[in-house]
Amino acid sequence: MIGSPGLGLEIQQAQNGGAVDTVYALIVLAGLVGIGVNSAVRLLERRVLVWYHGSGAARA
């Protein structure tokens, strides 16, 4: 195994154990992590590629 067990394994184990409330909580957590990562990457993109976004506005 390359990495440590992650959120997917926890969801699978909760599903196999019949813990429906835990499965839903972990799915919501995975969604929130995804939103956070997406927001961080978008912010980084705006800061690093300021020249790219500026040139796109000039063309429009």
PDB file of N, CA and C in Angstrom:
ATOM      1  N   MET A   1       0.847  -1.178   0.000  1.00  0.00           N
ATOM      2  CA  MET A   1       0.000   0.000   0.000  1.00  0.00           C
ATOM      3  C   MET A   1       0.891   1.239   0.000  1.00  0.00           C
ATOM      4  N   ILE A   2       0.557   2.191  -0.846  1.00  0.00           N
ATOM      5  CA  ILE A   2       1.395   3.371  -1.002  1.00  0.00           C
ATOM      6  C   ILE A   2       1.170   4.376   0.119  1.00  0.00           C
ATOM      7  N   GLY A   3      -0.068   4.687   0.406  1.00  0.00           N
ATOM      8  CA  GLY A   3      -0.366   5.702   1.414  1.00  0.00           C
ATOM      9  C   GLY A   3      -1.170   5.123   2.559  1.00  0.00           C
ATOM     10  N   SER A   4      -1.473   5.979   3.486  1.00  0.00           N
ATOM     11  CA  SER A   4      -2.298   5.538   4.608  1.00  0.00           C
ATOM     12  C   SER A   4      -3.763   5.499   4.175  1.00  0.00           C
ATOM     13  N   PRO A   5      -4.564   4.709   4.861  1.00  0.00           N
ATOM     14  CA  PRO A   5      -5.991   4.648   4.519  1.00  0.00           C
ATOM     15  C   PRO A   5      -6.632   6.031   4.637  1.00  0.00           C
ATOM     16  N   GLY A   6      -7.492   6.330   3.708  1.00  0.00           N
ATOM     17  CA  GLY A   6      -8.061   7.666   3.678  1.00  0.00           C
ATOM     18  C   GLY A   6      -9.558   7.685   3.893  1.00  0.00           C
ATOM     19  N   LEU A   7     -10.136   8.750   3.443  1.00  0.00           N
ATOM     20  CA  LEU A   7     -11.558   8.984   3.639  1.00  0.00           C
ATOM     21  C   LEU A   7     -12.406   7.957   2.902  1.00  0.00           C
ATOM     22  N   GLY A   8     -11.960   7.539   1.738  1.00  0.00           N
ATOM     23  CA  GLY A   8     -12.705   6.535   0.979  1.00  0.00           C
ATOM     24  C   GLY A   8     -12.810   5.218   1.718  1.00  0.00           C
ATOM     25  N   LEU A   9     -11.729   4.813   2.341  1.00  0.00           N
ATOM     26  CA  LEU A   9     -11.752   3.569   3.119  1.00  0.00           C
ATOM     27  C   LEU A   9     -12.669   3.704   4.323  1.00  0.00           C
ATOM     28  N   GLU A  10     -12.652   4.854   4.953  1.00  0.00           N
ATOM     29  CA  GLU A  10     -13.536   5.077   6.097  1.00  0.00           C
ATOM     30  C   GLU A  10     -15.002   5.002   5.672  1.00  0.00           C
ATOM     31  N   ILE A  11     -15.324   5.569   4.521  1.00  0.00           N
ATOM     32  CA  ILE A  11     -16.695   5.508   4.011  1.00  0.00           C
ATOM     33  C   ILE A  11     -17.080   4.065   3.734  1.00  0.00           C
ATOM     34  N   GLN A  12     -16.179   3.337   3.112  1.00  0.00           N
ATOM     35  CA  GLN A  12     -16.461   1.938   2.781  1.00  0.00           C
ATOM     36  C   GLN A  12     -16.664   1.108   4.048  1.00  0.00           C
ATOM     37  N   GLN A  13     -15.829   1.304   5.041  1.00  0.00           N
ATOM     38  CA  GLN A  13     -15.972   0.547   6.284  1.00  0.00           C
ATOM     39  C   GLN A  13     -17.268   0.903   7.005  1.00  0.00           C
ATOM     40  N   ALA A  14     -17.646   2.175   6.986  1.00  0.00           N
ATOM     41  CA  ALA A  14     -18.899   2.581   7.620  1.00  0.00           C
ATOM     42  C   ALA A  14     -20.091   1.989   6.871  1.00  0.00           C
ATOM     43  N   GLN A  15     -19.977   1.935   5.547  1.00  0.00           N
ATOM     44  CA  GLN A  15     -21.051   1.355   4.737  1.00  0.00           C
ATOM     45  C   GLN A  15     -21.185  -0.136   5.035  1.00  0.00           C
ATOM     46  N   ASN A  16     -20.071  -0.833   5.093  1.00  0.00           N
ATOM     47  CA  ASN A  16     -20.104  -2.268   5.380  1.00  0.00           C
ATOM     48  C   ASN A  16     -20.611  -2.548   6.789  1.00  0.00           C
ATOM     49  N   GLY A  17     -20.368  -1.622   7.704  1.00  0.00           N
ATOM     50  CA  GLY A  17     -20.825  -1.793   9.080  1.00  0.00           C
ATOM     51  C   GLY A  17     -22.266  -1.355   9.299  1.00  0.00           C
ATOM     52  N   GLY A  18     -22.885  -0.784   8.281  1.00  0.00           N
ATOM     53  CA  GLY A  18     -24.275  -0.367   8.404  1.00  0.00           C
ATOM     54  C   GLY A  18     -24.479   0.953   9.119  1.00  0.00           C
ATOM     55  N   ALA A  19     -23.430   1.738   9.248  1.00  0.00           N
ATOM     56  CA  ALA A  19     -23.525   3.032   9.928  1.00  0.00           C
ATOM     57  C   ALA A  19     -23.896   4.108   8.911  1.00  0.00           C
ATOM     58  N   VAL A  20     -25.176   4.195   8.603  1.00  0.00           N
ATOM     59  CA  VAL A  20     -25.652   5.096   7.558  1.00  0.00           C
ATOM     60  C   VAL A  20     -25.356   6.553   7.910  1.00  0.00           C
ATOM     61  N   ASP A  21     -25.555   6.937   9.162  1.00  0.00           N
ATOM     62  CA  ASP A  21     -25.302   8.316   9.559  1.00  0.00           C
ATOM     63  C   ASP A  21     -23.830   8.689   9.383  1.00  0.00           C
ATOM     64  N   THR A  22     -22.938   7.767   9.681  1.00  0.00           N
ATOM     65  CA  THR A  22     -21.508   8.013   9.503  1.00  0.00           C
ATOM     66  C   THR A  22     -21.153   8.124   8.030  1.00  0.00           C
ATOM     67  N   VAL A  23     -21.776   7.307   7.193  1.00  0.00           N
ATOM     68  CA  VAL A  23     -21.523   7.369   5.747  1.00  0.00           C
ATOM     69  C   VAL A  23     -21.902   8.745   5.226  1.00  0.00           C
ATOM     70  N   TYR A  24     -23.091   9.221   5.584  1.00  0.00           N
ATOM     71  CA  TYR A  24     -23.517  10.541   5.121  1.00  0.00           C
ATOM     72  C   TYR A  24     -22.622  11.649   5.657  1.00  0.00           C
ATOM     73  N   ALA A  25     -22.213  11.553   6.894  1.00  0.00           N
ATOM     74  CA  ALA A  25     -21.330  12.564   7.472  1.00  0.00           C
ATOM     75  C   ALA A  25     -19.984  12.593   6.744  1.00  0.00           C
ATOM     76  N   LEU A  26     -19.445  11.424   6.419  1.00  0.00           N
ATOM     77  CA  LEU A  26     -18.164  11.368   5.718  1.00  0.00           C
ATOM     78  C   LEU A  26     -18.288  11.863   4.276  1.00  0.00           C
ATOM     79  N   ILE A  27     -19.437  11.614   3.645  1.00  0.00           N
ATOM     80  CA  ILE A  27     -19.651  12.123   2.291  1.00  0.00           C
ATOM     81  C   ILE A  27     -19.732  13.645   2.305  1.00  0.00           C
ATOM     82  N   VAL A  28     -20.425  14.196   3.286  1.00  0.00           N
ATOM     83  CA  VAL A  28     -20.481  15.659   3.417  1.00  0.00           C
ATOM     84  C   VAL A  28     -19.091  16.218   3.683  1.00  0.00           C
ATOM     85  N   LEU A  29     -18.326  15.549   4.531  1.00  0.00           N
ATOM     86  CA  LEU A  29     -16.956  15.979   4.808  1.00  0.00           C
ATOM     87  C   LEU A  29     -16.107  15.960   3.546  1.00  0.00           C
ATOM     88  N   ALA A  30     -16.240  14.917   2.739  1.00  0.00           N
ATOM     89  CA  ALA A  30     -15.484  14.835   1.489  1.00  0.00           C
ATOM     90  C   ALA A  30     -15.870  15.981   0.560  1.00  0.00           C
ATOM     91  N   GLY A  31     -17.139  16.328   0.509  1.00  0.00           N
ATOM     92  CA  GLY A  31     -17.584  17.455  -0.304  1.00  0.00           C
ATOM     93  C   GLY A  31     -17.009  18.768   0.183  1.00  0.00           C
ATOM     94  N   LEU A  32     -16.987  18.969   1.484  1.00  0.00           N
ATOM     95  CA  LEU A  32     -16.427  20.204   2.043  1.00  0.00           C
ATOM     96  C   LEU A  32     -14.923  20.309   1.786  1.00  0.00           C
ATOM     97  N   VAL A  33     -14.229  19.182   1.886  1.00  0.00           N
ATOM     98  CA  VAL A  33     -12.796  19.176   1.570  1.00  0.00           C
ATOM     99  C   VAL A  33     -12.599  19.532   0.102  1.00  0.00           C
ATOM    100  N   GLY A  34     -13.433  18.997  -0.775  1.00  0.00           N
ATOM    101  CA  GLY A  34     -13.336  19.308  -2.191  1.00  0.00           C
ATOM    102  C   GLY A  34     -13.573  20.775  -2.472  1.00  0.00           C
ATOM    103  N   ILE A  35     -14.567  21.364  -1.826  1.00  0.00           N
ATOM    104  CA  ILE A  35     -14.836  22.791  -1.998  1.00  0.00           C
ATOM    105  C   ILE A  35     -13.659  23.618  -1.499  1.00  0.00           C
ATOM    106  N   GLY A  36     -13.089  23.227  -0.379  1.00  0.00           N
ATOM    107  CA  GLY A  36     -11.933  23.955   0.164  1.00  0.00           C
ATOM    108  C   GLY A  36     -10.721  23.881  -0.739  1.00  0.00           C
ATOM    109  N   VAL A  37     -10.427  22.701  -1.261  1.00  0.00           N
ATOM    110  CA  VAL A  37      -9.284  22.549  -2.169  1.00  0.00           C
ATOM    111  C   VAL A  37      -9.518  23.347  -3.446  1.00  0.00           C
ATOM    112  N   ASN A  38     -10.737  23.292  -3.982  1.00  0.00           N
ATOM    113  CA  ASN A  38     -11.058  24.040  -5.189  1.00  0.00           C
ATOM    114  C   ASN A  38     -10.892  25.542  -4.962  1.00  0.00           C
ATOM    115  N   SER A  39     -11.357  26.043  -3.845  1.00  0.00           N
ATOM    116  CA  SER A  39     -11.221  27.464  -3.534  1.00  0.00           C
ATOM    117  C   SER A  39      -9.762  27.873  -3.404  1.00  0.00           C
ATOM    118  N   ALA A  40      -8.972  27.025  -2.761  1.00  0.00           N
ATOM    119  CA  ALA A  40      -7.550  27.330  -2.595  1.00  0.00           C
ATOM    120  C   ALA A  40      -6.822  27.361  -3.940  1.00  0.00           C
ATOM    121  N   VAL A  41      -7.140  26.420  -4.814  1.00  0.00           N
ATOM    122  CA  VAL A  41      -6.485  26.379  -6.125  1.00  0.00           C
ATOM    123  C   VAL A  41      -6.919  27.572  -6.967  1.00  0.00           C
ATOM    124  N   ARG A  42      -8.193  27.950  -6.902  1.00  0.00           N
ATOM    125  CA  ARG A  42      -8.655  29.113  -7.658  1.00  0.00           C
ATOM    126  C   ARG A  42      -7.976  30.385  -7.178  1.00  0.00           C
ATOM    127  N   LEU A  43      -7.800  30.531  -5.861  1.00  0.00           N
ATOM    128  CA  LEU A  43      -7.114  31.698  -5.320  1.00  0.00           C
ATOM    129  C   LEU A  43      -5.656  31.715  -5.771  1.00  0.00           C
ATOM    130  N   LEU A  44      -5.000  30.581  -5.710  1.00  0.00           N
ATOM    131  CA  LEU A  44      -3.615  30.476  -6.157  1.00  0.00           C
ATOM    132  C   LEU A  44      -3.501  30.796  -7.642  1.00  0.00           C
ATOM    133  N   GLU A  45      -4.447  30.312  -8.429  1.00  0.00           N
ATOM    134  CA  GLU A  45      -4.438  30.580  -9.862  1.00  0.00           C
ATOM    135  C   GLU A  45      -4.576  32.072 -10.137  1.00  0.00           C
ATOM    136  N   ARG A  46      -5.470  32.732  -9.418  1.00  0.00           N
ATOM    137  CA  ARG A  46      -5.643  34.176  -9.622  1.00  0.00           C
ATOM    138  C   ARG A  46      -4.384  34.950  -9.263  1.00  0.00           C
ATOM    139  N   ARG A  47      -3.672  34.503  -8.245  1.00  0.00           N
ATOM    140  CA  ARG A  47      -2.458  35.225  -7.833  1.00  0.00           C
ATOM    141  C   ARG A  47      -1.270  34.937  -8.749  1.00  0.00           C
ATOM    142  N   VAL A  48      -1.138  33.686  -9.186  1.00  0.00           N
ATOM    143  CA  VAL A  48       0.020  33.294  -9.984  1.00  0.00           C
ATOM    144  C   VAL A  48      -0.163  33.676 -11.448  1.00  0.00           C
ATOM    145  N   LEU A  49      -1.380  33.546 -11.957  1.00  0.00           N
ATOM    146  CA  LEU A  49      -1.629  33.799 -13.376  1.00  0.00           C
ATOM    147  C   LEU A  49      -2.342  35.125 -13.593  1.00  0.00           C
ATOM    148  N   VAL A  50      -1.925  36.149 -12.848  1.00  0.00           N
ATOM    149  CA  VAL A  50      -2.568  37.454 -12.970  1.00  0.00           C
ATOM    150  C   VAL A  50      -2.388  38.009 -14.384  1.00  0.00           C
ATOM    151  N   TRP A  51      -1.268  37.724 -15.029  1.00  0.00           N
ATOM    152  CA  TRP A  51      -1.029  38.187 -16.394  1.00  0.00           C
ATOM    153  C   TRP A  51      -1.991  37.533 -17.378  1.00  0.00           C
ATOM    154  N   TYR A  52      -2.350  36.288 -17.130  1.00  0.00           N
ATOM    155  CA  TYR A  52      -3.243  35.564 -18.031  1.00  0.00           C
ATOM    156  C   TYR A  52      -4.665  36.106 -17.934  1.00  0.00           C
ATOM    157  N   HIS A  53      -5.141  36.320 -16.718  1.00  0.00           N
ATOM    158  CA  HIS A  53      -6.496  36.830 -16.533  1.00  0.00           C
ATOM    159  C   HIS A  53      -6.600  38.271 -17.006  1.00  0.00           C
ATOM    160  N   GLY A  54      -5.535  39.024 -16.852  1.00  0.00           N
ATOM    161  CA  GLY A  54      -5.541  40.414 -17.328  1.00  0.00           C
ATOM    162  C   GLY A  54      -5.609  40.504 -18.841  1.00  0.00           C
ATOM    163  N   SER A  55      -4.911  39.631 -19.542  1.00  0.00           N
ATOM    164  CA  SER A  55      -4.927  39.667 -20.992  1.00  0.00           C
ATOM    165  C   SER A  55      -6.253  39.188 -21.556  1.00  0.00           C
ATOM    166  N   GLY A  56      -6.946  38.290 -20.845  1.00  0.00           N
ATOM    167  CA  GLY A  56      -8.254  37.818 -21.286  1.00  0.00           C
ATOM    168  C   GLY A  56      -9.298  38.920 -21.197  1.00  0.00           C
ATOM    169  N   ALA A  57      -9.184  39.783 -20.191  1.00  0.00           N
ATOM    170  CA  ALA A  57     -10.135  40.881 -20.043  1.00  0.00           C
ATOM    171  C   ALA A  57      -9.934  41.924 -21.139  1.00  0.00           C
ATOM    172  N   ALA A  58      -8.693  42.085 -21.617  1.00  0.00           N
ATOM    173  CA  ALA A  58      -8.404  43.083 -22.650  1.00  0.00           C
ATOM    174  C   ALA A  58      -8.968  42.649 -24.001  1.00  0.00           C
ATOM    175  N   ARG A  59      -9.036  41.334 -24.233  1.00  0.00           N
ATOM    176  CA  ARG A  59      -9.531  40.823 -25.509  1.00  0.00           C
ATOM    177  C   ARG A  59     -11.047  40.937 -25.621  1.00  0.00           C
ATOM    178  N   ALA A  60     -11.739  40.896 -24.521  1.00  0.00           N
ATOM    179  CA  ALA A  60     -13.212  40.859 -24.540  1.00  0.00           C
ATOM    180  C   ALA A  60     -13.840  42.189 -24.880  1.00  0.00           C
TER     181      ALA A  60
END
